[in-house]
Amino acid sequence: MVKANPGISIPEIAEKMEIQQNYLYRVLPGLAQDGLVEKRGRGWHPKDR
């Protein structure tokens, strides 16, 4: 989802996936720690590998 929509926000991801935002607030920081995504401003972007 983030790769197809760079800069997407958590509310936008939640709406598209039809899930609760609080789940994403827990999961995305872990994905950032793993080097898969990064937060820039209010949006999430795929991390360059």
PDB file of N, CA and C in Angstrom:
ATOM      1  N   MET A   1       0.834  -1.189   0.000  1.00  0.00           N
ATOM      2  CA  MET A   1       0.000   0.000   0.000  1.00  0.00           C
ATOM      3  C   MET A   1       0.880   1.255   0.000  1.00  0.00           C
ATOM      4  N   VAL A   2       1.903   1.273   0.843  1.00  0.00           N
ATOM      5  CA  VAL A   2       2.788   2.438   0.929  1.00  0.00           C
ATOM      6  C   VAL A   2       3.606   2.581  -0.353  1.00  0.00           C
ATOM      7  N   LYS A   3       4.052   1.468  -0.903  1.00  0.00           N
ATOM      8  CA  LYS A   3       4.846   1.521  -2.132  1.00  0.00           C
ATOM      9  C   LYS A   3       4.025   2.081  -3.293  1.00  0.00           C
ATOM     10  N   ALA A   4       2.766   1.711  -3.371  1.00  0.00           N
ATOM     11  CA  ALA A   4       1.895   2.172  -4.454  1.00  0.00           C
ATOM     12  C   ALA A   4       1.412   3.602  -4.234  1.00  0.00           C
ATOM     13  N   ASN A   5       1.474   4.076  -2.979  1.00  0.00           N
ATOM     14  CA  ASN A   5       0.974   5.410  -2.636  1.00  0.00           C
ATOM     15  C   ASN A   5       1.956   6.133  -1.723  1.00  0.00           C
ATOM     16  N   PRO A   6       3.144   6.496  -2.219  1.00  0.00           N
ATOM     17  CA  PRO A   6       4.118   7.174  -1.358  1.00  0.00           C
ATOM     18  C   PRO A   6       3.526   8.428  -0.728  1.00  0.00           C
ATOM     19  N   GLY A   7       3.795   8.611   0.556  1.00  0.00           N
ATOM     20  CA  GLY A   7       3.296   9.781   1.264  1.00  0.00           C
ATOM     21  C   GLY A   7       1.920   9.581   1.865  1.00  0.00           C
ATOM     22  N   ILE A   8       1.390   8.368   1.775  1.00  0.00           N
ATOM     23  CA  ILE A   8       0.056   8.083   2.295  1.00  0.00           C
ATOM     24  C   ILE A   8       0.059   8.199   3.822  1.00  0.00           C
ATOM     25  N   SER A   9      -1.044   8.674   4.373  1.00  0.00           N
ATOM     26  CA  SER A   9      -1.154   8.832   5.820  1.00  0.00           C
ATOM     27  C   SER A   9      -1.832   7.609   6.437  1.00  0.00           C
ATOM     28  N   ILE A  10      -1.697   7.487   7.735  1.00  0.00           N
ATOM     29  CA  ILE A  10      -2.327   6.365   8.430  1.00  0.00           C
ATOM     30  C   ILE A  10      -3.846   6.368   8.241  1.00  0.00           C
ATOM     31  N   PRO A  11      -4.533   7.513   8.376  1.00  0.00           N
ATOM     32  CA  PRO A  11      -5.982   7.477   8.137  1.00  0.00           C
ATOM     33  C   PRO A  11      -6.341   7.010   6.722  1.00  0.00           C
ATOM     34  N   GLU A  12      -5.544   7.396   5.734  1.00  0.00           N
ATOM     35  CA  GLU A  12      -5.809   6.963   4.356  1.00  0.00           C
ATOM     36  C   GLU A  12      -5.590   5.459   4.194  1.00  0.00           C
ATOM     37  N   ILE A  13      -4.518   4.940   4.792  1.00  0.00           N
ATOM     38  CA  ILE A  13      -4.253   3.500   4.721  1.00  0.00           C
ATOM     39  C   ILE A  13      -5.395   2.736   5.390  1.00  0.00           C
ATOM     40  N   ALA A  14      -5.790   3.189   6.568  1.00  0.00           N
ATOM     41  CA  ALA A  14      -6.857   2.516   7.315  1.00  0.00           C
ATOM     42  C   ALA A  14      -8.155   2.488   6.512  1.00  0.00           C
ATOM     43  N   GLU A  15      -8.479   3.597   5.876  1.00  0.00           N
ATOM     44  CA  GLU A  15      -9.709   3.660   5.079  1.00  0.00           C
ATOM     45  C   GLU A  15      -9.642   2.691   3.901  1.00  0.00           C
ATOM     46  N   LYS A  16      -8.519   2.678   3.196  1.00  0.00           N
ATOM     47  CA  LYS A  16      -8.382   1.793   2.029  1.00  0.00           C
ATOM     48  C   LYS A  16      -8.400   0.319   2.428  1.00  0.00           C
ATOM     49  N   MET A  17      -7.819   0.003   3.589  1.00  0.00           N
ATOM     50  CA  MET A  17      -7.745  -1.392   4.033  1.00  0.00           C
ATOM     51  C   MET A  17      -8.949  -1.803   4.881  1.00  0.00           C
ATOM     52  N   GLU A  18      -9.778  -0.812   5.217  1.00  0.00           N
ATOM     53  CA  GLU A  18     -10.955  -1.032   6.070  1.00  0.00           C
ATOM     54  C   GLU A  18     -10.568  -1.665   7.406  1.00  0.00           C
ATOM     55  N   ILE A  19      -9.549  -1.049   8.037  1.00  0.00           N
ATOM     56  CA  ILE A  19      -9.112  -1.487   9.365  1.00  0.00           C
ATOM     57  C   ILE A  19      -9.020  -0.263  10.270  1.00  0.00           C
ATOM     58  N   GLN A  20      -8.820  -0.505  11.557  1.00  0.00           N
ATOM     59  CA  GLN A  20      -8.722   0.579  12.527  1.00  0.00           C
ATOM     60  C   GLN A  20      -7.355   1.261  12.453  1.00  0.00           C
ATOM     61  N   GLN A  21      -7.357   2.570  12.602  1.00  0.00           N
ATOM     62  CA  GLN A  21      -6.108   3.339  12.565  1.00  0.00           C
ATOM     63  C   GLN A  21      -5.158   2.932  13.681  1.00  0.00           C
ATOM     64  N   ASN A  22      -5.692   2.613  14.869  1.00  0.00           N
ATOM     65  CA  ASN A  22      -4.806   2.309  15.998  1.00  0.00           C
ATOM     66  C   ASN A  22      -3.923   1.096  15.718  1.00  0.00           C
ATOM     67  N   TYR A  23      -4.391   0.156  14.910  1.00  0.00           N
ATOM     68  CA  TYR A  23      -3.563  -0.989  14.531  1.00  0.00           C
ATOM     69  C   TYR A  23      -2.338  -0.504  13.742  1.00  0.00           C
ATOM     70  N   LEU A  24      -2.550   0.406  12.815  1.00  0.00           N
ATOM     71  CA  LEU A  24      -1.449   0.919  11.992  1.00  0.00           C
ATOM     72  C   LEU A  24      -0.464   1.741  12.818  1.00  0.00           C
ATOM     73  N   TYR A  25      -0.970   2.470  13.818  1.00  0.00           N
ATOM     74  CA  TYR A  25      -0.072   3.238  14.688  1.00  0.00           C
ATOM     75  C   TYR A  25       0.856   2.310  15.465  1.00  0.00           C
ATOM     76  N   ARG A  26       0.450   1.054  15.687  1.00  0.00           N
ATOM     77  CA  ARG A  26       1.309   0.077  16.356  1.00  0.00           C
ATOM     78  C   ARG A  26       2.242  -0.612  15.370  1.00  0.00           C
ATOM     79  N   VAL A  27       1.768  -0.898  14.150  1.00  0.00           N
ATOM     80  CA  VAL A  27       2.518  -1.714  13.193  1.00  0.00           C
ATOM     81  C   VAL A  27       3.555  -0.919  12.394  1.00  0.00           C
ATOM     82  N   LEU A  28       3.199   0.247  11.908  1.00  0.00           N
ATOM     83  CA  LEU A  28       4.102   0.995  11.026  1.00  0.00           C
ATOM     84  C   LEU A  28       5.440   1.361  11.674  1.00  0.00           C
ATOM     85  N   PRO A  29       5.492   1.761  12.946  1.00  0.00           N
ATOM     86  CA  PRO A  29       6.812   2.021  13.539  1.00  0.00           C
ATOM     87  C   PRO A  29       7.716   0.785  13.525  1.00  0.00           C
ATOM     88  N   GLY A  30       7.152  -0.391  13.698  1.00  0.00           N
ATOM     89  CA  GLY A  30       7.942  -1.620  13.622  1.00  0.00           C
ATOM     90  C   GLY A  30       8.475  -1.862  12.225  1.00  0.00           C
ATOM     91  N   LEU A  31       7.649  -1.584  11.223  1.00  0.00           N
ATOM     92  CA  LEU A  31       8.100  -1.722   9.835  1.00  0.00           C
ATOM     93  C   LEU A  31       9.199  -0.705   9.529  1.00  0.00           C
ATOM     94  N   ALA A  32       9.099   0.474  10.138  1.00  0.00           N
ATOM     95  CA  ALA A  32      10.145   1.487   9.956  1.00  0.00           C
ATOM     96  C   ALA A  32      11.451   1.013  10.602  1.00  0.00           C
ATOM     97  N   GLN A  33      11.347   0.392  11.774  1.00  0.00           N
ATOM     98  CA  GLN A  33      12.548  -0.133  12.440  1.00  0.00           C
ATOM     99  C   GLN A  33      13.202  -1.226  11.614  1.00  0.00           C
ATOM    100  N   ASP A  34      12.396  -1.995  10.911  1.00  0.00           N
ATOM    101  CA  ASP A  34      12.913  -3.065  10.051  1.00  0.00           C
ATOM    102  C   ASP A  34      13.450  -2.533   8.725  1.00  0.00           C
ATOM    103  N   GLY A  35      13.319  -1.218   8.499  1.00  0.00           N
ATOM    104  CA  GLY A  35      13.853  -0.606   7.288  1.00  0.00           C
ATOM    105  C   GLY A  35      12.972  -0.753   6.065  1.00  0.00           C
ATOM    106  N   LEU A  36      11.689  -1.053   6.270  1.00  0.00           N
ATOM    107  CA  LEU A  36      10.787  -1.246   5.131  1.00  0.00           C
ATOM    108  C   LEU A  36      10.074   0.036   4.713  1.00  0.00           C
ATOM    109  N   VAL A  37       9.770   0.893   5.682  1.00  0.00           N
ATOM    110  CA  VAL A  37       9.099   2.162   5.398  1.00  0.00           C
ATOM    111  C   VAL A  37       9.754   3.248   6.237  1.00  0.00           C
ATOM    112  N   GLU A  38       9.464   4.492   5.888  1.00  0.00           N
ATOM    113  CA  GLU A  38       9.933   5.611   6.701  1.00  0.00           C
ATOM    114  C   GLU A  38       8.869   6.690   6.706  1.00  0.00           C
ATOM    115  N   LYS A  39       8.802   7.411   7.820  1.00  0.00           N
ATOM    116  CA  LYS A  39       7.841   8.494   7.946  1.00  0.00           C
ATOM    117  C   LYS A  39       8.529   9.798   7.586  1.00  0.00           C
ATOM    118  N   ARG A  40       7.899  10.537   6.689  1.00  0.00           N
ATOM    119  CA  ARG A  40       8.390  11.870   6.312  1.00  0.00           C
ATOM    120  C   ARG A  40       7.226  12.825   6.477  1.00  0.00           C
ATOM    121  N   GLY A  41       7.346  13.718   7.434  1.00  0.00           N
ATOM    122  CA  GLY A  41       6.225  14.611   7.715  1.00  0.00           C
ATOM    123  C   GLY A  41       5.059  13.796   8.247  1.00  0.00           C
ATOM    124  N   ARG A  42       3.905  13.933   7.612  1.00  0.00           N
ATOM    125  CA  ARG A  42       2.719  13.196   8.049  1.00  0.00           C
ATOM    126  C   ARG A  42       2.486  11.930   7.240  1.00  0.00           C
ATOM    127  N   GLY A  43       3.326  11.691   6.226  1.00  0.00           N
ATOM    128  CA  GLY A  43       3.103  10.548   5.349  1.00  0.00           C
ATOM    129  C   GLY A  43       4.152   9.464   5.501  1.00  0.00           C
ATOM    130  N   TRP A  44       3.804   8.284   5.016  1.00  0.00           N
ATOM    131  CA  TRP A  44       4.699   7.127   5.039  1.00  0.00           C
ATOM    132  C   TRP A  44       5.168   6.821   3.633  1.00  0.00           C
ATOM    133  N   HIS A  45       6.451   6.488   3.515  1.00  0.00           N
ATOM    134  CA  HIS A  45       7.079   6.239   2.217  1.00  0.00           C
ATOM    135  C   HIS A  45       7.820   4.909   2.263  1.00  0.00           C
ATOM    136  N   PRO A  46       7.920   4.222   1.110  1.00  0.00           N
ATOM    137  CA  PRO A  46       8.736   3.005   1.084  1.00  0.00           C
ATOM    138  C   PRO A  46      10.196   3.388   1.278  1.00  0.00           C
ATOM    139  N   LYS A  47      10.917   2.561   1.983  1.00  0.00           N
ATOM    140  CA  LYS A  47      12.341   2.813   2.226  1.00  0.00           C
ATOM    141  C   LYS A  47      13.142   2.286   1.046  1.00  0.00           C
ATOM    142  N   ASP A  48      14.092   3.084   0.582  1.00  0.00           N
ATOM    143  CA  ASP A  48      14.982   2.640  -0.490  1.00  0.00           C
ATOM    144  C   ASP A  48      15.866   1.530   0.053  1.00  0.00           C
ATOM    145  N   ARG A  49      15.975   0.462  -0.699  1.00  0.00           N
ATOM    146  CA  ARG A  49      16.789  -0.672  -0.238  1.00  0.00           C
ATOM    147  C   ARG A  49      18.098  -0.697  -0.949  1.00  0.00           C
TER     148      ARG A  49
END
